[in-house]
Amino acid sequence: MEGLQDPDGSVTLRISQAGAVVLHQAIAGTEFENELAEIELRQPVEQKVFSDVQQALVSLIPGLGTDEYQATVDRAYAEIDPTPY
């Protein structure tokens, strides 16, 4: 993962496809089950940003909304080494 500051003040985050799937899954699952409460977001603006990130990833996730989605999630989780973090 890499973060870049653009001259116009915006930020570009480069993330692997697997990372995008895991991030989307984590946000979407938490939002669905707990309305983002367990991520301990303290301000409505934090919930908005997390929700916006999740929605921005929707078009980039292979198989989302299809029977193939779970296989996509399983591959993504297997592809990322969780150590060290």
C-alpha atoms as a PDB file:
ATOM      1  CA  MET A   1       0.000   0.000   0.000  1.00  0.00           C
ATOM      2  CA  GLU A   2       1.247   3.467  -0.806  1.00  0.00           C
ATOM      3  CA  GLY A   3      -0.091   6.953  -0.176  1.00  0.00           C
ATOM      4  CA  LEU A   4       0.751   9.922  -2.391  1.00  0.00           C
ATOM      5  CA  GLN A   5       0.084  13.626  -1.863  1.00  0.00           C
ATOM      6  CA  ASP A   6      -0.985  15.243  -5.130  1.00  0.00           C
ATOM      7  CA  PRO A   7      -0.097  18.859  -5.989  1.00  0.00           C
ATOM      8  CA  ASP A   8      -3.765  19.859  -5.783  1.00  0.00           C
ATOM      9  CA  GLY A   9      -3.931  18.728  -2.140  1.00  0.00           C
ATOM     10  CA  SER A  10      -5.758  15.482  -2.820  1.00  0.00           C
ATOM     11  CA  VAL A  11      -4.372  12.140  -1.696  1.00  0.00           C
ATOM     12  CA  THR A  12      -4.018   9.032  -3.835  1.00  0.00           C
ATOM     13  CA  LEU A  13      -3.967   5.686  -2.068  1.00  0.00           C
ATOM     14  CA  ARG A  14      -2.536   2.783  -4.066  1.00  0.00           C
ATOM     15  CA  ILE A  15      -3.736  -0.570  -2.767  1.00  0.00           C
ATOM     16  CA  SER A  16      -3.646  -4.072  -4.190  1.00  0.00           C
ATOM     17  CA  GLN A  17      -6.832  -5.644  -5.534  1.00  0.00           C
ATOM     18  CA  ALA A  18      -6.747  -8.049  -2.589  1.00  0.00           C
ATOM     19  CA  GLY A  19      -6.337  -5.153  -0.175  1.00  0.00           C
ATOM     20  CA  ALA A  20      -9.292  -3.356  -1.742  1.00  0.00           C
ATOM     21  CA  VAL A  21     -11.462  -6.469  -1.374  1.00  0.00           C
ATOM     22  CA  VAL A  22     -10.477  -6.915   2.282  1.00  0.00           C
ATOM     23  CA  LEU A  23     -11.045  -3.225   3.046  1.00  0.00           C
ATOM     24  CA  HIS A  24     -14.422  -3.231   1.311  1.00  0.00           C
ATOM     25  CA  GLN A  25     -15.469  -6.429   3.063  1.00  0.00           C
ATOM     26  CA  ALA A  26     -14.458  -5.128   6.491  1.00  0.00           C
ATOM     27  CA  ILE A  27     -16.287  -1.830   6.085  1.00  0.00           C
ATOM     28  CA  ALA A  28     -19.367  -3.310   4.426  1.00  0.00           C
ATOM     29  CA  GLY A  29     -19.663  -6.103   6.990  1.00  0.00           C
ATOM     30  CA  THR A  30     -19.288  -3.745   9.922  1.00  0.00           C
ATOM     31  CA  GLU A  31     -21.659  -1.197   8.405  1.00  0.00           C
ATOM     32  CA  PHE A  32     -24.279  -3.878   7.739  1.00  0.00           C
ATOM     33  CA  GLU A  33     -24.062  -5.527  11.164  1.00  0.00           C
ATOM     34  CA  ASN A  34     -23.286  -2.627  13.471  1.00  0.00           C
ATOM     35  CA  GLU A  35     -23.794   0.605  11.564  1.00  0.00           C
ATOM     36  CA  LEU A  36     -20.015   1.158  11.830  1.00  0.00           C
ATOM     37  CA  ALA A  37     -20.258   1.293  15.642  1.00  0.00           C
ATOM     38  CA  GLU A  38     -17.578  -1.320  16.362  1.00  0.00           C
ATOM     39  CA  ILE A  39     -14.900   0.485  14.385  1.00  0.00           C
ATOM     40  CA  GLU A  40     -15.281   3.109  17.137  1.00  0.00           C
ATOM     41  CA  LEU A  41     -15.935   6.025  14.870  1.00  0.00           C
ATOM     42  CA  ARG A  42     -16.596   8.960  17.139  1.00  0.00           C
ATOM     43  CA  GLN A  43     -18.017  11.489  14.730  1.00  0.00           C
ATOM     44  CA  PRO A  44     -20.647  11.267  11.989  1.00  0.00           C
ATOM     45  CA  VAL A  45     -18.056  12.625   9.556  1.00  0.00           C
ATOM     46  CA  GLU A  46     -15.883   9.556  10.272  1.00  0.00           C
ATOM     47  CA  GLN A  47     -18.814   7.271   9.460  1.00  0.00           C
ATOM     48  CA  LYS A  48     -19.379   9.254   6.243  1.00  0.00           C
ATOM     49  CA  VAL A  49     -15.755   8.869   5.128  1.00  0.00           C
ATOM     50  CA  PHE A  50     -15.737   5.115   5.810  1.00  0.00           C
ATOM     51  CA  SER A  51     -19.021   4.708   3.970  1.00  0.00           C
ATOM     52  CA  ASP A  52     -17.723   6.780   1.033  1.00  0.00           C
ATOM     53  CA  VAL A  53     -14.582   4.612   0.805  1.00  0.00           C
ATOM     54  CA  GLN A  54     -16.685   1.461   0.821  1.00  0.00           C
ATOM     55  CA  GLN A  55     -18.948   2.832  -1.916  1.00  0.00           C
ATOM     56  CA  ALA A  56     -15.962   3.966  -4.017  1.00  0.00           C
ATOM     57  CA  LEU A  57     -14.621   0.405  -3.952  1.00  0.00           C
ATOM     58  CA  VAL A  58     -17.887  -1.184  -5.104  1.00  0.00           C
ATOM     59  CA  SER A  59     -17.153  -0.936  -8.830  1.00  0.00           C
ATOM     60  CA  LEU A  60     -13.625  -2.299  -8.315  1.00  0.00           C
ATOM     61  CA  ILE A  61     -14.543  -5.536  -6.549  1.00  0.00           C
ATOM     62  CA  PRO A  62     -14.765  -8.551  -8.871  1.00  0.00           C
ATOM     63  CA  GLY A  63     -17.909 -10.611  -8.457  1.00  0.00           C
ATOM     64  CA  LEU A  64     -19.560  -8.283  -5.958  1.00  0.00           C
ATOM     65  CA  GLY A  65     -23.253  -9.110  -5.773  1.00  0.00           C
ATOM     66  CA  THR A  66     -22.811 -12.465  -7.497  1.00  0.00           C
ATOM     67  CA  ASP A  67     -22.304 -16.055  -6.412  1.00  0.00           C
ATOM     68  CA  GLU A  68     -18.571 -15.638  -7.148  1.00  0.00           C
ATOM     69  CA  TYR A  69     -18.098 -12.912  -4.515  1.00  0.00           C
ATOM     70  CA  GLN A  70     -17.246 -15.265  -1.631  1.00  0.00           C
ATOM     71  CA  ALA A  71     -14.514 -16.861  -3.729  1.00  0.00           C
ATOM     72  CA  THR A  72     -13.126 -13.374  -4.440  1.00  0.00           C
ATOM     73  CA  VAL A  73     -13.095 -12.599  -0.712  1.00  0.00           C
ATOM     74  CA  ASP A  74     -11.479 -15.948   0.133  1.00  0.00           C
ATOM     75  CA  ARG A  75      -8.704 -15.396  -2.452  1.00  0.00           C
ATOM     76  CA  ALA A  76      -8.066 -11.872  -1.194  1.00  0.00           C
ATOM     77  CA  TYR A  77      -7.789 -12.978   2.434  1.00  0.00           C
ATOM     78  CA  ALA A  78      -5.421 -15.806   1.444  1.00  0.00           C
ATOM     79  CA  GLU A  79      -3.263 -13.471  -0.662  1.00  0.00           C
ATOM     80  CA  ILE A  80      -2.407 -11.018   2.117  1.00  0.00           C
ATOM     81  CA  ASP A  81       0.203 -11.899   4.724  1.00  0.00           C
ATOM     82  CA  PRO A  82      -1.171 -10.562   8.036  1.00  0.00           C
ATOM     83  CA  THR A  83       2.272 -10.265   9.639  1.00  0.00           C
ATOM     84  CA  PRO A  84       3.697  -7.963  10.695  1.00  0.00           C
ATOM     85  CA  TYR A  85       1.173  -5.237  11.172  1.00  0.00           C
END
